[in-house]
Amino acid sequence: MGAVQTHVGVNRLGMRRRSALLARLNPGAIIGLLVFLVLCVPLLVPGRLAPSPNEIFQPPSFHHWLGTDQFGRDMLSRLISGTHVSMSLGVVSVSLSVLISLPLGIASGYYRGALDSVLMRLMDVVMAFPGILLALIIISILGPGLANAMIAVGIGEAPAYTRVVRSAALGVRAQSYIEAARAIGAHDSRILWRYVLPNVVQPLIVISSVGFAVAIVIGSSLGFLGLGAQPPTAEWGTMVSEGRTYLRSQWWISAFPGATIGVSVLALNILGDALRDVLDPRLRRSV
């Protein structure tokens, strides 16, 4: 058992060292993290809408930095409120995907056999549908709305998470320290909790950061189609859809929410790549 604990301790120490060194050398990771933290601020302090009925279709100015929409609402205030909604959708849907995939992936990769075959064939069936199509199917069953959109995105992304967790569990299962733990009589529950779970969390964190971006895109797509957050709730996809009618003359109504979606997804993908570099145990880079 001492050898097993030493092995795990060395892995954790090496991960901390790689994290400290690579984070220093990766400016993209710092930028992505800063953008992500800025986007998380409205989760703590939601923005307030500022309706100004007498100031409809005002272009960006010193008084209204991002202009106003067709109802005279300040676009900056709505964008901040939309950030709260979209980030909440990402957090809830990714959390749901993790809660579904973690036990399924670990059980499939560790126990193998018939359980693995059944679960993976089920995941193959679900993954045969594109994410947005699967979300549309679930929304058509549950009905439109923000809460249902969160559930739809979470369920739709769970199979990809499950496969990543299963792959990591398979790799850990074949390690010598797992055999050593079994040899000294450790129960499966102890092995799963103490040795398998810490090793599958690392790749799960990486795919969650990328999956967060995917959740935002799918959630915004549902909002654009009128199946996600319902008006007057401010949500990025819904805001883009509301501005379509006025795109040629009042371009800012759709342009700023659309740009926010693009910047957010780009930052989260850069952050995910940086996390992969830091957490990938097979990484070979001289630092």
Protein backbone atom coordinates (compact mmCIF):
# COMPACT_ATOMS: atom_id res chain seq x y z
CA MET A 1 0.00 0.00 0.00
CA GLY A 2 2.90 2.32 0.73
CA ALA A 3 4.19 1.89 -2.82
CA VAL A 4 0.74 2.67 -4.21
CA GLN A 5 0.43 5.84 -2.12
CA THR A 6 3.94 6.91 -3.11
CA HIS A 7 3.05 6.45 -6.80
CA VAL A 8 -0.10 8.55 -6.46
CA GLY A 9 1.77 11.20 -4.46
CA VAL A 10 4.50 11.47 -7.09
CA ASN A 11 1.86 11.85 -9.81
CA ARG A 12 0.13 14.64 -7.92
CA LEU A 13 3.43 16.40 -7.21
CA GLY A 14 4.42 16.15 -10.87
CA MET A 15 1.05 17.53 -11.94
CA ARG A 16 1.45 20.53 -9.62
CA ARG A 17 4.91 21.23 -10.99
CA ARG A 18 3.72 21.01 -14.59
CA SER A 19 0.78 23.27 -13.76
CA ALA A 20 3.00 25.96 -12.26
CA LEU A 21 5.56 25.86 -15.07
CA LEU A 22 3.25 25.56 -18.07
CA ALA A 23 0.80 28.19 -16.84
CA ARG A 24 3.74 30.61 -16.70
CA LEU A 25 4.70 29.84 -20.29
CA ASN A 26 1.24 29.83 -21.86
CA PRO A 27 -0.18 33.34 -22.36
CA GLY A 28 -3.19 31.87 -24.16
CA ALA A 29 -4.16 30.03 -20.98
CA ILE A 30 -3.96 33.24 -18.98
CA ILE A 31 -6.07 35.16 -21.52
CA GLY A 32 -8.64 32.36 -21.73
CA LEU A 33 -8.83 32.15 -17.95
CA LEU A 34 -9.27 35.92 -17.60
CA VAL A 35 -12.09 35.96 -20.17
CA PHE A 36 -13.75 33.05 -18.39
CA LEU A 37 -13.51 34.81 -15.01
CA VAL A 38 -14.97 38.00 -16.49
CA LEU A 39 -17.86 35.97 -17.90
CA CYS A 40 -18.42 34.41 -14.47
CA VAL A 41 -18.83 37.79 -12.74
CA PRO A 42 -22.52 38.15 -13.77
CA LEU A 43 -23.19 34.82 -12.04
CA LEU A 44 -22.51 36.63 -8.77
CA VAL A 45 -23.83 40.07 -9.74
CA PRO A 46 -26.53 39.78 -12.43
CA GLY A 47 -26.92 42.85 -14.61
CA ARG A 48 -30.12 44.85 -14.54
CA LEU A 49 -32.09 45.74 -17.63
CA ALA A 50 -32.38 49.42 -18.32
CA PRO A 51 -35.50 50.11 -20.42
CA SER A 52 -35.65 53.53 -22.01
CA PRO A 53 -38.80 53.58 -24.17
CA ASN A 54 -37.96 56.98 -25.65
CA GLU A 55 -34.53 55.89 -26.85
CA ILE A 56 -35.21 52.99 -29.19
CA PHE A 57 -32.65 52.04 -31.85
CA GLN A 58 -29.94 54.29 -30.43
CA PRO A 59 -26.53 53.46 -31.95
CA PRO A 60 -23.52 52.88 -29.69
CA SER A 61 -22.62 56.11 -27.93
CA PHE A 62 -21.16 57.44 -24.70
CA HIS A 63 -24.61 57.27 -23.08
CA HIS A 64 -25.36 53.73 -24.36
CA TRP A 65 -22.03 52.04 -25.03
CA LEU A 66 -23.57 49.22 -27.09
CA GLY A 67 -26.69 51.07 -28.21
CA THR A 68 -30.34 50.23 -27.50
CA ASP A 69 -32.72 47.72 -29.04
CA GLN A 70 -36.20 47.95 -30.55
CA PHE A 71 -37.74 48.41 -27.09
CA GLY A 72 -35.23 51.01 -25.93
CA ARG A 73 -33.40 48.58 -23.65
CA ASP A 74 -29.72 49.19 -23.09
CA MET A 75 -27.76 46.52 -24.98
CA LEU A 76 -24.87 46.46 -22.51
CA SER A 77 -27.23 45.74 -19.63
CA ARG A 78 -28.95 43.02 -21.62
CA LEU A 79 -25.63 41.53 -22.65
CA ILE A 80 -24.55 41.30 -19.01
CA SER A 81 -27.87 39.68 -18.10
CA GLY A 82 -27.47 37.36 -21.09
CA THR A 83 -24.02 36.41 -19.82
CA HIS A 84 -25.61 35.35 -16.54
CA VAL A 85 -28.13 33.17 -18.38
CA SER A 86 -25.68 31.63 -20.86
CA MET A 87 -23.03 30.90 -18.24
CA SER A 88 -25.66 29.39 -15.95
CA LEU A 89 -26.75 27.18 -18.84
CA GLY A 90 -23.14 26.10 -19.38
CA VAL A 91 -22.52 25.37 -15.70
CA VAL A 92 -25.72 23.37 -15.20
CA SER A 93 -25.48 21.40 -18.44
CA VAL A 94 -21.79 20.52 -17.96
CA SER A 95 -22.47 19.53 -14.34
CA LEU A 96 -25.31 17.29 -15.51
CA SER A 97 -23.05 15.70 -18.14
CA VAL A 98 -20.39 15.03 -15.51
CA LEU A 99 -22.89 13.54 -13.06
CA ILE A 100 -24.14 11.18 -15.77
CA SER A 101 -20.80 10.26 -17.31
CA LEU A 102 -18.64 9.80 -14.23
CA PRO A 103 -20.34 6.70 -12.75
CA LEU A 104 -21.15 5.22 -16.17
CA GLY A 105 -17.63 5.71 -17.54
CA ILE A 106 -15.88 4.39 -14.44
CA ALA A 107 -18.15 1.34 -14.21
CA SER A 108 -17.73 0.60 -17.90
CA GLY A 109 -13.95 0.97 -17.95
CA TYR A 110 -13.21 -0.76 -14.65
CA TYR A 111 -15.59 -3.72 -14.73
CA ARG A 112 -15.61 -4.30 -18.52
CA GLY A 113 -17.57 -7.36 -19.67
CA ALA A 114 -21.25 -7.25 -20.60
CA LEU A 115 -21.78 -3.97 -18.71
CA ASP A 116 -19.14 -2.26 -20.84
CA SER A 117 -20.62 -3.61 -24.08
CA VAL A 118 -24.16 -2.53 -23.25
CA LEU A 119 -23.18 0.96 -22.04
CA MET A 120 -20.88 1.67 -24.98
CA ARG A 121 -23.42 0.51 -27.57
CA LEU A 122 -25.95 2.80 -25.89
CA MET A 123 -23.46 5.68 -26.04
CA ASP A 124 -22.82 4.90 -29.73
CA VAL A 125 -26.54 5.18 -30.46
CA VAL A 126 -26.80 8.53 -28.68
CA MET A 127 -23.61 9.88 -30.30
CA ALA A 128 -24.97 8.98 -33.73
CA PHE A 129 -27.15 12.09 -33.42
CA PRO A 130 -25.48 15.51 -33.76
CA GLY A 131 -25.55 17.46 -30.49
CA ILE A 132 -27.97 20.12 -31.69
CA LEU A 133 -30.31 17.51 -33.23
CA LEU A 134 -30.38 15.48 -30.04
CA ALA A 135 -31.06 18.64 -28.05
CA LEU A 136 -33.94 19.47 -30.40
CA ILE A 137 -35.41 15.99 -29.89
CA ILE A 138 -35.24 16.33 -26.12
CA ILE A 139 -36.67 19.86 -26.22
CA SER A 140 -39.55 18.62 -28.40
CA ILE A 141 -40.37 16.11 -25.64
CA LEU A 142 -39.85 18.38 -22.62
CA GLY A 143 -41.00 21.64 -24.22
CA PRO A 144 -39.17 24.95 -24.75
CA GLY A 145 -37.62 26.84 -21.87
CA LEU A 146 -34.28 27.56 -20.23
CA ALA A 147 -34.43 24.71 -17.70
CA ASN A 148 -35.32 22.18 -20.39
CA ALA A 149 -32.55 23.54 -22.59
CA MET A 150 -30.06 22.89 -19.78
CA ILE A 151 -31.31 19.31 -19.45
CA ALA A 152 -31.23 18.76 -23.20
CA VAL A 153 -27.66 20.04 -23.58
CA GLY A 154 -26.47 18.09 -20.53
CA ILE A 155 -27.93 14.80 -21.74
CA GLY A 156 -26.73 15.40 -25.30
CA GLU A 157 -23.11 15.92 -24.25
CA ALA A 158 -22.97 13.10 -21.66
CA PRO A 159 -21.95 10.29 -24.11
CA ALA A 160 -18.74 12.09 -25.13
CA TYR A 161 -17.84 12.61 -21.47
CA THR A 162 -18.62 8.96 -20.72
CA ARG A 163 -16.22 7.74 -23.40
CA VAL A 164 -13.42 9.95 -22.08
CA VAL A 165 -13.95 8.71 -18.51
CA ARG A 166 -14.09 5.10 -19.71
CA SER A 167 -10.83 5.50 -21.63
CA ALA A 168 -9.10 6.96 -18.57
CA ALA A 169 -10.51 4.21 -16.33
CA LEU A 170 -9.25 1.55 -18.73
CA GLY A 171 -5.75 3.02 -18.57
CA VAL A 172 -5.77 3.14 -14.77
CA ARG A 173 -7.17 -0.38 -14.49
CA ALA A 174 -4.13 -1.79 -16.28
CA GLN A 175 -1.61 -0.13 -13.95
CA SER A 176 0.53 -2.23 -11.62
CA TYR A 177 -0.48 -0.30 -8.51
CA ILE A 178 -4.10 -1.34 -9.08
CA GLU A 179 -2.96 -4.97 -9.11
CA ALA A 180 -0.94 -4.32 -5.95
CA ALA A 181 -3.99 -2.84 -4.24
CA ARG A 182 -6.06 -5.89 -5.18
CA ALA A 183 -3.30 -8.21 -3.98
CA ILE A 184 -3.37 -6.74 -0.47
CA GLY A 185 -7.15 -7.16 -0.33
CA ALA A 186 -8.40 -3.63 -1.12
CA HIS A 187 -12.11 -3.56 -1.93
CA ASP A 188 -13.28 -2.31 -5.32
CA SER A 189 -15.01 0.68 -3.73
CA ARG A 190 -11.73 1.75 -2.10
CA ILE A 191 -9.78 1.28 -5.33
CA LEU A 192 -12.33 3.25 -7.33
CA TRP A 193 -12.45 6.09 -4.81
CA ARG A 194 -8.76 6.34 -3.96
CA TYR A 195 -7.00 5.48 -7.22
CA VAL A 196 -9.35 5.42 -10.21
CA LEU A 197 -11.40 8.56 -9.53
CA PRO A 198 -8.41 10.95 -9.07
CA ASN A 199 -6.95 9.76 -12.38
CA VAL A 200 -10.13 10.15 -14.43
CA VAL A 201 -10.82 13.64 -13.07
CA GLN A 202 -7.94 15.19 -15.03
CA PRO A 203 -9.21 14.35 -18.55
CA LEU A 204 -12.74 15.09 -17.38
CA ILE A 205 -11.69 18.64 -16.44
CA VAL A 206 -10.22 19.14 -19.91
CA ILE A 207 -13.27 17.90 -21.80
CA SER A 208 -15.53 19.88 -19.46
CA SER A 209 -13.80 23.14 -20.41
CA VAL A 210 -14.31 22.37 -24.10
CA GLY A 211 -17.79 21.01 -23.40
CA PHE A 212 -18.62 24.30 -21.69
CA ALA A 213 -18.01 26.07 -25.01
CA VAL A 214 -20.11 23.48 -26.85
CA ALA A 215 -22.92 23.93 -24.31
CA ILE A 216 -22.91 27.69 -24.88
CA VAL A 217 -23.10 27.21 -28.65
CA ILE A 218 -25.93 24.65 -28.48
CA GLY A 219 -27.79 26.68 -25.84
CA SER A 220 -27.48 29.82 -27.96
CA SER A 221 -28.66 27.87 -31.01
CA LEU A 222 -31.74 26.73 -29.12
CA GLY A 223 -32.36 30.30 -28.00
CA PHE A 224 -31.97 31.52 -31.59
CA LEU A 225 -34.61 28.99 -32.69
CA GLY A 226 -36.95 30.10 -29.90
CA LEU A 227 -36.62 26.84 -27.97
CA GLY A 228 -34.32 27.99 -25.18
CA ALA A 229 -34.74 30.99 -22.90
CA GLN A 230 -38.00 32.74 -23.71
CA PRO A 231 -38.43 36.52 -24.10
CA PRO A 232 -38.10 38.86 -22.32
CA THR A 233 -35.23 36.87 -20.74
CA ALA A 234 -31.93 38.16 -22.07
CA GLU A 235 -29.92 35.30 -23.60
CA TRP A 236 -27.24 35.60 -26.28
CA GLY A 237 -28.90 33.38 -28.88
CA THR A 238 -32.30 34.97 -28.28
CA MET A 239 -30.75 38.45 -28.62
CA VAL A 240 -29.16 37.51 -31.94
CA SER A 241 -32.52 36.22 -33.16
CA GLU A 242 -34.35 39.38 -32.04
CA GLY A 243 -31.95 41.53 -34.04
CA ARG A 244 -32.27 39.64 -37.33
CA THR A 245 -35.11 41.84 -38.56
CA TYR A 246 -33.05 44.99 -38.04
CA LEU A 247 -29.67 43.63 -39.13
CA ARG A 248 -29.11 46.02 -42.05
CA SER A 249 -29.91 49.23 -40.22
CA GLN A 250 -29.48 48.46 -36.49
CA TRP A 251 -26.61 45.97 -36.77
CA TRP A 252 -25.51 46.28 -33.14
CA ILE A 253 -28.58 44.43 -31.80
CA SER A 254 -27.30 41.13 -33.22
CA ALA A 255 -23.61 41.91 -33.69
CA PHE A 256 -22.61 42.36 -30.05
CA PRO A 257 -24.31 39.19 -28.71
CA GLY A 258 -22.91 37.23 -31.66
CA ALA A 259 -19.40 38.57 -31.02
CA THR A 260 -19.74 37.69 -27.33
CA ILE A 261 -20.59 34.10 -28.24
CA GLY A 262 -17.56 33.92 -30.54
CA VAL A 263 -15.13 35.39 -28.01
CA SER A 264 -16.44 33.18 -25.20
CA VAL A 265 -16.16 29.98 -27.23
CA LEU A 266 -12.67 30.90 -28.45
CA ALA A 267 -11.47 31.69 -24.91
CA LEU A 268 -12.88 28.45 -23.51
CA ASN A 269 -11.28 26.39 -26.28
CA ILE A 270 -7.90 28.05 -25.67
CA LEU A 271 -8.31 27.39 -21.96
CA GLY A 272 -9.18 23.76 -22.68
CA ASP A 273 -6.04 23.32 -24.80
CA ALA A 274 -3.93 24.82 -22.03
CA LEU A 275 -5.50 22.52 -19.44
CA ARG A 276 -4.77 19.54 -21.68
CA ASP A 277 -1.11 20.56 -21.85
CA VAL A 278 -0.95 20.90 -18.07
CA LEU A 279 -2.90 17.80 -17.07
CA ASP A 280 -1.95 15.30 -19.79
CA PRO A 281 0.34 12.78 -18.05
CA ARG A 282 1.87 11.83 -21.41
CA LEU A 283 2.99 15.38 -22.06
CA ARG A 284 6.63 15.61 -22.97
CA ARG A 285 7.78 19.18 -23.01
CA SER A 286 10.98 20.69 -21.68
CA VAL A 287 10.13 23.58 -19.40
